[in-house]
């Protein structure tokens, strides 16, 4: 399954655990994350959640080696599984902290942004890597990015797919705190303990107030994303992007 979960006091610790693959996500991992965060909603023993990654990275995105040219119906079903996971994280009526280090890319970047607060190691680097495999951003990336940094900076990240260093991400307002790598877990736990000991029901209501500020809703954005991503997966550029990734070479895109 490659997802670890344990409860320390009132804090749920969720760990993406495929360190040899930089915690790239499989379909089974999407399903498990959606299950866990749905479970947390009704579990009164959980008052705050920390999500992190094992090893030297938070998450490099979806496992590209498992991508296949599926028919549109199957592709839509896979996207809905990912969207169920993102919605479960974003809509959990309890504080969620992403503790990230190393690579934070693709839908891994979206998972971090779906969390309420992001604490990053000083070696963290963020990338909207989708264009390199001929796809549009997914996991609500455009929705979350535009809220956090504004449309101009969001376009910068999506159009260039460049790596954004942790300190620059903090300056942009994308993340909340940057700490030395060795202090990441301790810093995340200290914040989680503070939040878990506070009036978490009031925080849940505040979270809903923040969500109500934005139009379109996350769900509307995810549905539009599903349509466009399904279209992008039918292009020659996507086939070339995936092949280039697997063969560890530079892709030759044609814009079609």
Protein backbone atom coordinates (compact mmCIF):
# COMPACT_ATOMS: atom_id res chain seq x y z
CA UNK A 1 0.00 0.00 0.00
CA UNK A 2 2.97 2.31 0.74
CA UNK A 3 1.01 4.57 3.11
CA UNK A 4 1.91 4.48 6.81
CA UNK A 5 -0.40 5.79 9.51
CA UNK A 6 -0.07 6.06 13.26
CA UNK A 7 -1.70 8.09 16.01
CA UNK A 8 0.40 9.98 18.54
CA UNK A 9 -1.93 11.42 21.14
CA UNK A 10 -4.51 13.38 19.14
CA UNK A 11 -2.23 13.79 16.12
CA UNK A 12 -2.52 11.53 13.07
CA UNK A 13 0.80 10.99 11.29
CA UNK A 14 0.41 9.98 7.65
CA UNK A 15 3.55 9.08 5.69
CA UNK A 16 3.96 8.47 1.97
CA UNK A 17 6.37 5.54 2.03
CA UNK A 18 8.00 4.76 -1.32
CA UNK A 19 11.36 6.45 -0.70
CA UNK A 20 13.09 4.58 -3.54
CA UNK A 21 10.58 6.21 -5.94
CA UNK A 22 10.62 9.62 -4.21
CA UNK A 23 7.17 8.64 -2.88
CA UNK A 24 5.55 8.68 -6.33
CA UNK A 25 1.89 7.83 -5.91
CA UNK A 26 0.18 4.70 -7.21
CA UNK A 27 -3.56 4.23 -7.68
CA UNK A 28 -3.71 2.19 -4.47
CA UNK A 29 -2.06 5.04 -2.55
CA UNK A 30 -4.66 7.52 -3.81
CA UNK A 31 -7.43 5.23 -2.61
CA UNK A 32 -5.80 4.72 0.80
CA UNK A 33 -5.25 8.44 1.36
CA UNK A 34 -8.89 9.17 0.52
CA UNK A 35 -9.98 6.45 2.96
CA UNK A 36 -7.77 7.74 5.77
CA UNK A 37 -8.80 11.38 5.50
CA UNK A 38 -12.47 10.41 5.25
CA UNK A 39 -11.99 8.29 8.38
CA UNK A 40 -10.35 11.19 10.23
CA UNK A 41 -13.47 13.31 9.76
CA UNK A 42 -15.54 11.13 12.09
CA UNK A 43 -12.71 10.00 14.40
CA UNK A 44 -12.85 12.16 17.52
CA UNK A 45 -9.44 10.89 18.63
CA UNK A 46 -7.87 12.75 15.70
CA UNK A 47 -7.66 16.52 16.19
CA UNK A 48 -4.81 17.41 13.83
CA UNK A 49 -3.09 15.62 10.91
CA UNK A 50 0.50 15.76 9.67
CA UNK A 51 1.26 14.38 6.22
CA UNK A 52 4.89 13.81 5.23
CA UNK A 53 7.12 11.66 3.05
CA UNK A 54 9.67 8.98 3.88
CA UNK A 55 13.28 9.46 2.85
CA UNK A 56 14.67 12.45 0.99
CA UNK A 57 11.50 13.70 -0.74
CA UNK A 58 7.91 14.52 0.03
CA UNK A 59 6.38 13.35 -3.25
CA UNK A 60 7.48 13.45 -6.89
CA UNK A 61 3.91 13.17 -8.19
CA UNK A 62 2.12 10.24 -9.79
CA UNK A 63 4.15 7.18 -10.73
CA UNK A 64 4.77 7.90 -14.41
CA UNK A 65 5.88 4.32 -15.05
CA UNK A 66 2.29 3.18 -14.47
CA UNK A 67 0.74 5.66 -16.92
CA UNK A 68 -0.93 4.01 -19.89
CA UNK A 69 -3.13 5.28 -22.70
CA UNK A 70 -6.46 4.30 -21.19
CA UNK A 71 -9.81 4.91 -22.84
CA UNK A 72 -11.59 8.13 -21.77
CA UNK A 73 -13.97 6.33 -19.40
CA UNK A 74 -11.13 4.58 -17.55
CA UNK A 75 -9.06 7.78 -17.52
CA UNK A 76 -11.96 9.71 -16.00
CA UNK A 77 -12.39 7.06 -13.30
CA UNK A 78 -8.70 7.31 -12.37
CA UNK A 79 -8.93 11.09 -12.17
CA UNK A 80 -11.99 10.84 -9.93
CA UNK A 81 -10.01 8.62 -7.55
CA UNK A 82 -7.32 11.29 -7.31
CA UNK A 83 -9.90 14.01 -6.86
CA UNK A 84 -11.59 12.08 -4.05
CA UNK A 85 -8.24 12.07 -2.27
CA UNK A 86 -7.64 15.79 -2.76
CA UNK A 87 -11.19 16.65 -1.65
CA UNK A 88 -10.87 14.49 1.46
CA UNK A 89 -7.71 16.36 2.49
CA UNK A 90 -8.94 19.84 1.61
CA UNK A 91 -12.37 19.40 3.19
CA UNK A 92 -11.30 17.68 6.41
CA UNK A 93 -12.74 19.81 9.22
CA UNK A 94 -9.52 19.54 11.21
CA UNK A 95 -6.13 21.22 10.72
CA UNK A 96 -3.85 19.48 8.22
CA UNK A 97 -0.10 20.21 8.17
CA UNK A 98 2.13 19.18 5.26
CA UNK A 99 5.74 18.62 6.38
CA UNK A 100 7.77 18.58 3.17
CA UNK A 101 11.38 18.11 2.13
CA UNK A 102 13.20 17.51 -1.11
CA UNK A 103 11.08 17.19 -4.23
CA UNK A 104 7.48 18.39 -4.00
CA UNK A 105 6.19 17.94 -7.53
CA UNK A 106 3.10 17.22 -9.61
CA UNK A 107 0.16 16.04 -7.58
CA UNK A 108 2.48 15.83 -4.56
CA UNK A 109 2.59 19.63 -4.78
CA UNK A 110 -1.23 19.61 -4.88
CA UNK A 111 -1.42 17.45 -1.74
CA UNK A 112 0.77 19.96 0.10
CA UNK A 113 -1.42 22.85 -1.04
CA UNK A 114 -4.63 20.99 -0.13
CA UNK A 115 -3.31 21.00 3.43
CA UNK A 116 -3.95 24.03 5.63
CA UNK A 117 -0.33 24.78 6.49
CA UNK A 118 2.96 23.85 4.85
CA UNK A 119 6.22 23.58 6.80
CA UNK A 120 9.20 22.98 4.53
CA UNK A 121 12.75 21.83 5.02
CA UNK A 122 15.31 24.26 3.68
CA UNK A 123 16.10 21.70 0.97
CA UNK A 124 12.52 21.51 -0.33
CA UNK A 125 11.87 22.48 -3.93
CA UNK A 126 8.52 22.73 -5.64
CA UNK A 127 7.58 22.09 -9.28
CA UNK A 128 4.46 22.07 -11.43
CA UNK A 129 6.12 19.45 -13.58
CA UNK A 130 3.09 18.51 -15.68
CA UNK A 131 4.11 20.15 -18.97
CA UNK A 132 7.17 17.88 -19.10
CA UNK A 133 4.86 14.92 -19.72
CA UNK A 134 2.37 16.85 -21.85
CA UNK A 135 -0.35 17.22 -19.22
CA UNK A 136 -2.25 20.01 -17.49
CA UNK A 137 -1.85 20.58 -13.73
CA UNK A 138 -4.05 18.29 -11.67
CA UNK A 139 -5.07 17.71 -8.08
CA UNK A 140 -6.60 21.20 -7.95
CA UNK A 141 -3.17 22.76 -8.58
CA UNK A 142 -4.43 25.79 -10.52
CA UNK A 143 -7.14 26.39 -7.90
CA UNK A 144 -4.74 26.21 -4.95
CA UNK A 145 -1.83 28.00 -6.63
CA UNK A 146 -3.89 30.99 -7.68
CA UNK A 147 -5.24 31.37 -4.14
CA UNK A 148 -1.80 31.16 -2.57
CA UNK A 149 0.41 33.20 -4.94
CA UNK A 150 -1.83 34.95 -7.48
CA UNK A 151 -2.37 34.26 -11.16
CA UNK A 152 0.90 35.76 -12.45
CA UNK A 153 3.13 33.63 -10.24
CA UNK A 154 0.89 30.60 -10.75
CA UNK A 155 1.38 30.91 -14.51
CA UNK A 156 5.14 31.28 -13.99
CA UNK A 157 5.27 27.93 -12.19
CA UNK A 158 2.89 26.10 -14.55
CA UNK A 159 4.39 27.43 -17.81
CA UNK A 160 8.05 26.93 -16.84
CA UNK A 161 7.79 23.83 -14.62
CA UNK A 162 10.85 25.23 -12.86
CA UNK A 163 11.94 24.17 -9.40
CA UNK A 164 11.01 26.78 -6.80
CA UNK A 165 13.36 26.74 -3.78
CA UNK A 166 11.85 26.68 -0.29
CA UNK A 167 12.92 30.18 0.70
CA UNK A 168 11.48 31.71 -2.48
CA UNK A 169 8.28 29.73 -1.92
CA UNK A 170 8.04 31.24 1.55
CA UNK A 171 8.63 34.75 0.21
CA UNK A 172 5.83 34.21 -2.30
CA UNK A 173 3.43 33.13 0.45
CA UNK A 174 3.16 29.63 -1.01
CA UNK A 175 4.32 27.99 2.22
CA UNK A 176 4.22 29.05 5.86
CA UNK A 177 7.61 28.23 7.35
CA UNK A 178 11.09 27.07 6.35
CA UNK A 179 13.21 25.18 8.90
CA UNK A 180 16.55 23.33 8.82
CA UNK A 181 16.05 19.84 7.44
CA UNK A 182 16.96 18.14 10.72
CA UNK A 183 14.23 20.11 12.51
CA UNK A 184 11.36 19.43 10.11
CA UNK A 185 9.54 16.69 12.02
CA UNK A 186 9.95 18.43 15.37
CA UNK A 187 8.66 21.74 13.98
CA UNK A 188 5.64 20.06 12.41
CA UNK A 189 4.87 18.18 15.63
CA UNK A 190 5.15 21.32 17.77
CA UNK A 191 2.66 23.14 15.54
CA UNK A 192 0.36 20.11 15.45
CA UNK A 193 0.36 19.90 19.25
CA UNK A 194 -0.51 23.58 19.49
CA UNK A 195 -3.41 23.17 17.08
CA UNK A 196 -4.63 19.88 18.58
CA UNK A 197 -4.84 21.54 22.00
CA UNK A 198 -6.86 24.47 20.70
CA UNK A 199 -10.55 24.94 19.89
CA UNK A 200 -10.50 22.71 16.83
CA UNK A 201 -14.26 23.00 16.23
CA UNK A 202 -13.85 26.76 15.88
CA UNK A 203 -10.91 26.15 13.53
CA UNK A 204 -13.14 23.86 11.45
CA UNK A 205 -15.70 26.64 11.12
CA UNK A 206 -12.96 29.11 10.20
CA UNK A 207 -11.73 26.67 7.55
CA UNK A 208 -15.20 26.58 6.00
CA UNK A 209 -15.27 30.37 5.99
CA UNK A 210 -11.98 30.48 4.08
CA UNK A 211 -13.32 27.95 1.58
CA UNK A 212 -16.50 29.99 1.04
CA UNK A 213 -14.42 32.97 -0.15
CA UNK A 214 -13.51 31.39 -3.48
CA UNK A 215 -15.52 30.96 -6.68
CA UNK A 216 -15.46 28.60 -8.48
CA UNK A 217 -15.42 25.93 -5.82
CA UNK A 218 -12.72 23.28 -5.65
CA UNK A 219 -15.24 20.72 -6.93
CA UNK A 220 -16.02 22.84 -10.00
CA UNK A 221 -12.33 23.26 -10.73
CA UNK A 222 -11.68 19.52 -10.35
CA UNK A 223 -14.46 18.66 -12.79
CA UNK A 224 -13.03 21.07 -15.38
CA UNK A 225 -9.57 19.64 -14.73
CA UNK A 226 -10.90 16.14 -15.38
CA UNK A 227 -12.17 17.18 -18.81
CA UNK A 228 -8.95 18.91 -19.85
CA UNK A 229 -6.65 16.24 -18.44
CA UNK A 230 -8.57 13.51 -20.26
CA UNK A 231 -8.08 15.49 -23.48
CA UNK A 232 -4.37 16.06 -22.81
CA UNK A 233 -3.82 12.33 -22.30
CA UNK A 234 -4.93 11.71 -25.89
CA UNK A 235 -2.19 13.93 -27.38
CA UNK A 236 1.03 12.92 -29.09
CA UNK A 237 2.92 15.18 -26.68
CA UNK A 238 1.75 13.18 -23.67
CA UNK A 239 2.86 9.90 -25.27
CA UNK A 240 6.25 11.47 -26.07
CA UNK A 241 6.58 13.00 -22.59
CA UNK A 242 6.00 9.70 -20.82
CA UNK A 243 8.36 7.86 -23.20
CA UNK A 244 11.08 10.46 -22.63
CA UNK A 245 10.70 10.22 -18.87
CA UNK A 246 11.03 6.44 -18.95
CA UNK A 247 14.03 6.61 -21.29
CA UNK A 248 15.66 9.43 -19.28
CA UNK A 249 15.98 11.76 -22.27
CA UNK A 250 14.74 15.21 -23.26
CA UNK A 251 11.27 15.09 -24.81
CA UNK A 252 10.65 16.38 -28.33
CA UNK A 253 7.23 17.99 -28.28
CA UNK A 254 5.18 18.95 -31.35
CA UNK A 255 2.39 20.93 -29.70
CA UNK A 256 -0.26 18.41 -30.66
